[in-house]
């Protein structure tokens, strides 16, 4: 299985080696996306030349329409590909938790590639620059593994293939959560020595960052109800005493990449929001969807009885459902997108999650 960073988008432009500079005109962007700055093609070619042998020189550059980062697929002369990810345009609204997503992604992939016992193949991070002078912005350059998102194949997969995929997902999350860290919080925060001592503290920082983003945009949310409801059951978070590796978006259908020839998992995407925390915060455990998780997933995870049996698990899932629903609503205000959970549905999920949290 290959694990790689987000590339769950379709290409919309390709450029041969001849143009020295790439300028993307407005007709290549949807109205909801901020226009990216011009990209210096020669600088990217120089970057690849300095890092790789001449046999892997840059042949073509392909732009991907992503919601957040500026992403390019680099076609090399030897037939292989690299991915170049740059920060969003300065005009793109960014949530607080997204400020260090490139560094988080690089750190997460580095954890796996440094392990001699890792059961999965992971893409190599060629270089991560936090203050690059080569292309003018921070960037992440890594190898690429392609495929089709599970979201686009789910309705066409045979039951046996879907069971294999779900069991693999369960096993991946089981392995991922076996990795432990020194403290709680986003990877880059912990690496800098600023991690939280308790999961309660780290989670509340995550929650408050989303609520502050909402307040900045004057979004109408039941702030008092969210805070008081979570505070009423906050002691359940104290059951989490060991910081475990958690990719918050792991398991979402758009982040599971399938090899359409074999119908097996070819990669998992969504590494920018990776933390040391509680594995139950992963998107696959969203409280309102737990009952729909297939048995094969639980088998891969090694939990035949699902979740909710251990102390505080139900309360934690209820708390996390509120967090996820609030995030869904707020992110729609920052970057509306038709393919994502819409605001109205997000608000319905938030109302339902708050009701569950309050025991109604």
Protein backbone atom coordinates (compact mmCIF):
# COMPACT_ATOMS: atom_id res chain seq x y z
CA UNK A 1 0.00 0.00 0.00
CA UNK A 2 1.27 3.47 -0.83
CA UNK A 3 0.47 6.40 1.44
CA UNK A 4 0.77 9.83 -0.09
CA UNK A 5 -0.24 13.41 0.46
CA UNK A 6 -3.36 15.00 -1.06
CA UNK A 7 -3.70 14.82 -4.83
CA UNK A 8 -7.40 13.98 -5.06
CA UNK A 9 -7.96 16.49 -7.85
CA UNK A 10 -8.15 16.34 -11.64
CA UNK A 11 -5.66 18.17 -13.88
CA UNK A 12 -6.90 21.12 -15.87
CA UNK A 13 -3.77 22.40 -17.65
CA UNK A 14 -0.47 21.01 -18.88
CA UNK A 15 2.61 22.85 -20.06
CA UNK A 16 5.56 21.65 -22.12
CA UNK A 17 9.12 22.68 -21.41
CA UNK A 18 9.17 25.57 -23.84
CA UNK A 19 7.47 28.38 -21.83
CA UNK A 20 9.89 30.10 -19.42
CA UNK A 21 7.03 31.47 -17.29
CA UNK A 22 3.57 30.15 -16.50
CA UNK A 23 0.75 32.60 -16.11
CA UNK A 24 -2.67 31.13 -15.32
CA UNK A 25 -5.49 33.21 -16.73
CA UNK A 26 -8.74 33.73 -14.89
CA UNK A 27 -10.69 31.26 -17.03
CA UNK A 28 -8.77 28.38 -15.42
CA UNK A 29 -10.17 29.07 -11.98
CA UNK A 30 -13.65 28.81 -10.55
CA UNK A 31 -15.11 31.97 -9.01
CA UNK A 32 -14.73 30.48 -5.50
CA UNK A 33 -10.99 30.03 -5.80
CA UNK A 34 -8.42 32.74 -5.28
CA UNK A 35 -6.19 33.38 -8.26
CA UNK A 36 -2.70 31.98 -7.76
CA UNK A 37 0.39 34.02 -8.52
CA UNK A 38 2.49 33.39 -11.62
CA UNK A 39 4.88 30.46 -11.35
CA UNK A 40 8.48 30.71 -12.52
CA UNK A 41 8.88 27.60 -14.66
CA UNK A 42 12.63 28.05 -14.91
CA UNK A 43 12.97 28.08 -11.13
CA UNK A 44 11.05 24.82 -10.81
CA UNK A 45 13.24 23.27 -13.52
CA UNK A 46 16.32 24.44 -11.63
CA UNK A 47 14.97 22.98 -8.40
CA UNK A 48 14.52 19.56 -10.02
CA UNK A 49 17.91 19.74 -11.74
CA UNK A 50 19.70 20.50 -8.47
CA UNK A 51 18.00 17.64 -6.61
CA UNK A 52 17.85 14.85 -9.20
CA UNK A 53 20.11 13.22 -11.81
CA UNK A 54 19.98 14.61 -15.35
CA UNK A 55 18.00 11.55 -16.50
CA UNK A 56 15.09 12.83 -14.39
CA UNK A 57 14.96 16.35 -15.78
CA UNK A 58 11.63 18.17 -15.96
CA UNK A 59 9.61 17.65 -19.13
CA UNK A 60 6.11 18.95 -18.37
CA UNK A 61 4.32 20.78 -15.58
CA UNK A 62 0.66 20.11 -14.73
CA UNK A 63 -1.48 22.31 -12.51
CA UNK A 64 -4.10 20.80 -10.20
CA UNK A 65 -7.20 22.72 -8.98
CA UNK A 66 -7.02 22.21 -5.22
CA UNK A 67 -9.14 23.99 -2.63
CA UNK A 68 -6.23 25.14 -0.50
CA UNK A 69 -2.67 24.60 -1.73
CA UNK A 70 -1.17 25.37 -5.11
CA UNK A 71 -0.26 21.92 -6.46
CA UNK A 72 1.75 20.90 -9.51
CA UNK A 73 2.43 17.47 -10.94
CA UNK A 74 5.92 17.40 -12.43
CA UNK A 75 6.37 15.03 -15.37
CA UNK A 76 10.01 13.93 -15.53
CA UNK A 77 11.82 12.81 -18.64
CA UNK A 78 12.27 9.25 -17.33
CA UNK A 79 8.49 8.83 -17.08
CA UNK A 80 8.22 9.29 -13.31
CA UNK A 81 6.38 12.07 -11.49
CA UNK A 82 6.90 14.38 -8.55
CA UNK A 83 4.43 16.57 -6.68
CA UNK A 84 5.19 20.19 -5.82
CA UNK A 85 2.92 21.75 -3.19
CA UNK A 86 3.07 25.43 -2.38
CA UNK A 87 1.07 27.51 0.12
CA UNK A 88 -2.22 29.09 -0.92
CA UNK A 89 -2.40 32.40 -2.67
CA UNK A 90 -2.16 35.32 -0.21
CA UNK A 91 -5.78 36.09 -1.10
CA UNK A 92 -6.99 32.66 0.00
CA UNK A 93 -8.74 32.57 3.38
CA UNK A 94 -6.92 30.10 5.60
CA UNK A 95 -8.13 28.57 8.86
CA UNK A 96 -5.78 28.76 11.80
CA UNK A 97 -5.31 24.99 11.81
CA UNK A 98 -4.21 25.10 8.15
CA UNK A 99 -1.30 27.50 8.63
CA UNK A 100 1.26 24.73 9.06
CA UNK A 101 -0.30 21.97 6.97
CA UNK A 102 2.69 21.62 4.63
CA UNK A 103 5.06 21.20 7.56
CA UNK A 104 2.64 18.76 9.19
CA UNK A 105 2.44 16.72 5.99
CA UNK A 106 6.20 16.61 5.59
CA UNK A 107 6.65 15.58 9.23
CA UNK A 108 4.01 12.84 9.01
CA UNK A 109 5.53 11.31 5.89
CA UNK A 110 8.98 11.56 7.48
CA UNK A 111 7.78 9.53 10.46
CA UNK A 112 6.78 6.64 8.19
CA UNK A 113 9.81 6.75 5.91
CA UNK A 114 12.16 6.71 8.91
CA UNK A 115 10.67 3.45 10.19
CA UNK A 116 12.37 0.20 9.20
CA UNK A 117 9.32 -1.78 10.35
CA UNK A 118 6.64 0.25 8.54
CA UNK A 119 4.32 -2.21 6.76
CA UNK A 120 3.39 0.33 4.09
CA UNK A 121 5.29 1.95 1.24
CA UNK A 122 5.23 5.73 1.54
CA UNK A 123 6.27 8.44 -0.92
CA UNK A 124 9.65 9.98 -0.43
CA UNK A 125 9.81 13.62 0.63
CA UNK A 126 12.44 15.01 -1.72
CA UNK A 127 12.60 18.34 0.06
CA UNK A 128 10.52 20.50 2.36
CA UNK A 129 11.43 24.19 2.56
CA UNK A 130 9.90 26.43 5.20
CA UNK A 131 11.50 29.53 3.64
CA UNK A 132 12.48 28.60 0.12
CA UNK A 133 14.50 31.04 -1.92
CA UNK A 134 14.27 28.78 -5.00
CA UNK A 135 10.62 29.33 -5.89
CA UNK A 136 9.84 32.19 -3.54
CA UNK A 137 7.51 30.42 -1.09
CA UNK A 138 7.57 27.50 1.35
CA UNK A 139 6.98 24.26 -0.51
CA UNK A 140 6.92 20.48 -0.29
CA UNK A 141 8.37 18.31 -3.07
CA UNK A 142 7.67 14.57 -2.97
CA UNK A 143 7.15 11.51 -5.11
CA UNK A 144 3.71 10.76 -6.51
CA UNK A 145 1.49 7.68 -6.55
CA UNK A 146 -1.73 8.00 -8.54
CA UNK A 147 -5.12 6.35 -8.49
CA UNK A 148 -8.86 7.04 -8.22
CA UNK A 149 -10.60 8.29 -5.05
CA UNK A 150 -12.84 5.72 -3.39
CA UNK A 151 -15.59 8.34 -3.52
CA UNK A 152 -15.68 7.95 -7.32
CA UNK A 153 -15.65 4.14 -7.27
CA UNK A 154 -17.74 3.24 -4.23
CA UNK A 155 -20.93 2.50 -6.16
CA UNK A 156 -19.15 0.22 -8.65
CA UNK A 157 -17.14 -1.98 -6.28
CA UNK A 158 -18.16 -5.57 -5.57
CA UNK A 159 -18.83 -6.38 -1.93
CA UNK A 160 -15.69 -8.51 -1.68
CA UNK A 161 -13.52 -5.69 -3.00
CA UNK A 162 -15.10 -3.22 -0.60
CA UNK A 163 -14.48 -5.60 2.31
CA UNK A 164 -10.81 -5.84 1.36
CA UNK A 165 -10.53 -2.05 1.19
CA UNK A 166 -12.28 -1.54 4.54
CA UNK A 167 -10.17 -4.19 6.24
CA UNK A 168 -7.01 -2.52 4.90
CA UNK A 169 -8.22 0.84 6.20
CA UNK A 170 -8.85 -0.64 9.62
CA UNK A 171 -5.39 -2.18 9.68
CA UNK A 172 -3.80 1.09 8.63
CA UNK A 173 -5.53 3.03 11.41
CA UNK A 174 -4.54 0.32 13.86
CA UNK A 175 -0.89 0.62 12.84
CA UNK A 176 -1.02 4.41 12.78
CA UNK A 177 -2.42 4.63 16.29
CA UNK A 178 0.31 2.33 17.59
CA UNK A 179 2.80 5.16 17.03
CA UNK A 180 3.15 7.41 20.08
CA UNK A 181 4.57 10.88 20.66
CA UNK A 182 6.01 12.90 23.55
CA UNK A 183 3.02 15.25 23.96
CA UNK A 184 -0.34 16.19 22.44
CA UNK A 185 -1.09 18.49 19.53
CA UNK A 186 -0.21 19.08 15.84
CA UNK A 187 3.05 17.45 14.77
CA UNK A 188 4.91 20.69 14.16
CA UNK A 189 3.77 22.10 17.51
CA UNK A 190 5.00 19.02 19.36
CA UNK A 191 8.28 19.02 17.41
CA UNK A 192 8.93 22.59 18.49
CA UNK A 193 8.49 21.64 22.15
CA UNK A 194 5.13 23.43 22.50
CA UNK A 195 2.89 20.36 22.74
CA UNK A 196 0.21 20.08 25.39
CA UNK A 197 0.67 17.92 28.47
CA UNK A 198 -2.91 16.59 28.34
CA UNK A 199 -5.29 15.65 25.54
CA UNK A 200 -7.95 17.84 27.13
CA UNK A 201 -5.75 20.89 26.70
CA UNK A 202 -4.73 20.03 23.13
CA UNK A 203 -8.28 19.33 21.99
CA UNK A 204 -9.66 22.52 23.48
CA UNK A 205 -6.98 24.46 21.58
CA UNK A 206 -8.15 22.80 18.36
CA UNK A 207 -11.78 23.57 19.14
CA UNK A 208 -11.13 27.18 20.09
CA UNK A 209 -9.13 27.77 16.91
CA UNK A 210 -12.18 26.77 14.85
CA UNK A 211 -14.54 28.88 16.95
CA UNK A 212 -12.20 31.88 16.69
CA UNK A 213 -12.12 31.42 12.91
CA UNK A 214 -15.92 31.49 12.99
CA UNK A 215 -15.96 34.63 15.12
CA UNK A 216 -13.54 36.34 12.73
CA UNK A 217 -16.05 35.78 9.91
CA UNK A 218 -19.05 36.71 12.08
CA UNK A 219 -20.56 33.25 11.47
CA UNK A 220 -23.76 32.59 13.41
CA UNK A 221 -23.09 29.52 15.57
CA UNK A 222 -24.38 28.42 19.00
CA UNK A 223 -21.01 29.25 20.60
CA UNK A 224 -22.21 29.07 24.19
CA UNK A 225 -24.02 25.78 23.60
CA UNK A 226 -20.95 24.25 21.96
CA UNK A 227 -18.60 25.32 24.74
CA UNK A 228 -20.92 24.45 27.62
CA UNK A 229 -21.95 21.12 26.10
CA UNK A 230 -18.37 20.02 25.67
CA UNK A 231 -17.34 21.30 29.09
CA UNK A 232 -20.09 19.17 30.67
CA UNK A 233 -18.40 16.00 29.35
CA UNK A 234 -14.81 17.22 29.14
CA UNK A 235 -13.62 14.71 31.76
CA UNK A 236 -14.06 11.94 29.16
CA UNK A 237 -11.02 13.34 27.34
CA UNK A 238 -8.88 12.55 30.37
CA UNK A 239 -9.22 8.86 29.51
CA UNK A 240 -6.70 9.57 26.72
CA UNK A 241 -3.31 9.51 28.41
CA UNK A 242 -1.02 8.50 25.51
CA UNK A 243 -0.48 10.75 22.47
CA UNK A 244 -1.08 8.61 19.37
CA UNK A 245 -0.59 9.49 15.72
CA UNK A 246 -3.88 10.56 14.11
CA UNK A 247 -4.48 11.78 10.56
CA UNK A 248 -7.75 13.61 11.15
CA UNK A 249 -9.02 13.05 7.61
CA UNK A 250 -8.01 9.38 7.37
CA UNK A 251 -10.74 7.15 5.98
CA UNK A 252 -12.78 9.80 4.19
CA UNK A 253 -13.82 8.42 0.75
CA UNK A 254 -12.16 11.30 -1.09
CA UNK A 255 -8.90 10.56 0.73
CA UNK A 256 -8.71 6.84 -0.05
CA UNK A 257 -6.98 6.29 -3.42
CA UNK A 258 -7.78 3.06 -5.27
CA UNK A 259 -5.91 1.23 -8.02
CA UNK A 260 -8.77 0.76 -10.49
CA UNK A 261 -7.08 -2.28 -12.03
CA UNK A 262 -6.89 -4.28 -8.80
CA UNK A 263 -9.53 -2.46 -6.71
CA UNK A 264 -7.03 -2.37 -3.85
CA UNK A 265 -5.89 0.68 -1.89
CA UNK A 266 -3.08 2.43 -3.72
CA UNK A 267 -2.70 5.32 -1.29
CA UNK A 268 -4.20 7.41 1.47
CA UNK A 269 -4.27 11.20 1.29
CA UNK A 270 -4.93 13.97 3.79
CA UNK A 271 -1.74 14.28 5.87
CA UNK A 272 -1.79 18.03 6.48
CA UNK A 273 -4.08 17.69 9.54
CA UNK A 274 -2.05 15.11 11.47
CA UNK A 275 -1.73 15.30 15.25
CA UNK A 276 -0.64 13.41 18.32
CA UNK A 277 -3.93 12.73 20.06
CA UNK A 278 -6.93 10.39 20.26
CA UNK A 279 -7.43 7.96 17.31
CA UNK A 280 -11.21 8.36 17.72
CA UNK A 281 -10.91 11.88 16.31
CA UNK A 282 -10.23 10.43 12.82
CA UNK A 283 -13.04 11.24 10.37
CA UNK A 284 -14.01 7.59 9.98
CA UNK A 285 -15.24 7.61 13.59
CA UNK A 286 -17.54 10.59 13.20
CA UNK A 287 -20.18 9.71 15.81
CA UNK A 288 -23.19 9.91 13.51
CA UNK A 289 -21.56 7.49 11.03
CA UNK A 290 -20.16 4.87 13.42
CA UNK A 291 -23.19 2.62 13.01
CA UNK A 292 -22.58 2.50 9.25
CA UNK A 293 -18.99 1.27 9.48
CA UNK A 294 -18.61 -2.14 7.84
CA UNK A 295 -17.60 -5.22 9.81
CA UNK A 296 -14.47 -5.67 7.69
CA UNK A 297 -13.14 -2.34 8.99
CA UNK A 298 -13.54 -3.45 12.61
CA UNK A 299 -11.74 -6.69 11.77
CA UNK A 300 -8.79 -4.77 10.35
CA UNK A 301 -8.80 -2.48 13.34
CA UNK A 302 -8.80 -5.46 15.69
CA UNK A 303 -11.98 -4.37 17.49
CA UNK A 304 -14.71 -6.91 16.87
CA UNK A 305 -17.23 -5.01 19.01
CA UNK A 306 -16.68 -1.62 17.42
CA UNK A 307 -16.32 1.43 19.65
CA UNK A 308 -18.21 2.58 22.71
CA UNK A 309 -17.20 -0.24 25.02
CA UNK A 310 -14.27 1.39 26.82
CA UNK A 311 -14.66 4.10 29.44
CA UNK A 312 -15.52 7.52 27.99
CA UNK A 313 -15.58 6.44 24.33
CA UNK A 314 -19.20 7.34 23.65
CA UNK A 315 -18.76 10.77 25.25
CA UNK A 316 -15.57 11.40 23.30
CA UNK A 317 -17.25 10.47 20.03
CA UNK A 318 -20.09 12.87 20.84
CA UNK A 319 -17.61 15.66 21.57
CA UNK A 320 -15.70 14.99 18.35
CA UNK A 321 -18.92 14.98 16.30
CA UNK A 322 -19.61 18.54 17.51
CA UNK A 323 -16.06 19.55 16.59
CA UNK A 324 -16.31 17.99 13.12
CA UNK A 325 -19.69 19.56 12.36
CA UNK A 326 -18.54 23.00 13.49
CA UNK A 327 -15.45 22.63 11.31
CA UNK A 328 -17.63 21.67 8.31
CA UNK A 329 -19.76 24.80 8.71
CA UNK A 330 -16.83 27.17 9.22
CA UNK A 331 -14.74 25.81 6.35
CA UNK A 332 -17.65 26.42 3.95
CA UNK A 333 -17.54 30.13 4.81
CA UNK A 334 -13.81 30.29 4.15
CA UNK A 335 -13.76 28.28 0.93
CA UNK A 336 -17.20 27.24 -0.39
CA UNK A 337 -17.12 24.15 -2.61
CA UNK A 338 -19.89 22.09 -4.13
CA UNK A 339 -18.17 18.77 -3.55
CA UNK A 340 -17.79 19.30 0.18
CA UNK A 341 -20.36 19.05 2.96
CA UNK A 342 -22.56 22.08 2.41
CA UNK A 343 -23.35 24.62 5.11
CA UNK A 344 -26.97 23.55 5.57
CA UNK A 345 -26.05 19.89 6.00
CA UNK A 346 -23.21 20.91 8.29
CA UNK A 347 -25.62 22.83 10.49
CA UNK A 348 -27.97 19.85 10.60
CA UNK A 349 -25.08 17.65 11.70
CA UNK A 350 -24.11 20.20 14.34
CA UNK A 351 -27.66 20.34 15.71
CA UNK A 352 -27.82 16.55 15.82
CA UNK A 353 -24.37 16.28 17.44
CA UNK A 354 -25.25 18.84 20.13
CA UNK A 355 -28.46 16.97 20.85
CA UNK A 356 -26.52 13.71 21.28
CA UNK A 357 -23.96 15.45 23.45
CA UNK A 358 -26.64 16.84 25.74
CA UNK A 359 -28.36 13.46 25.98
CA UNK A 360 -31.61 14.64 24.39
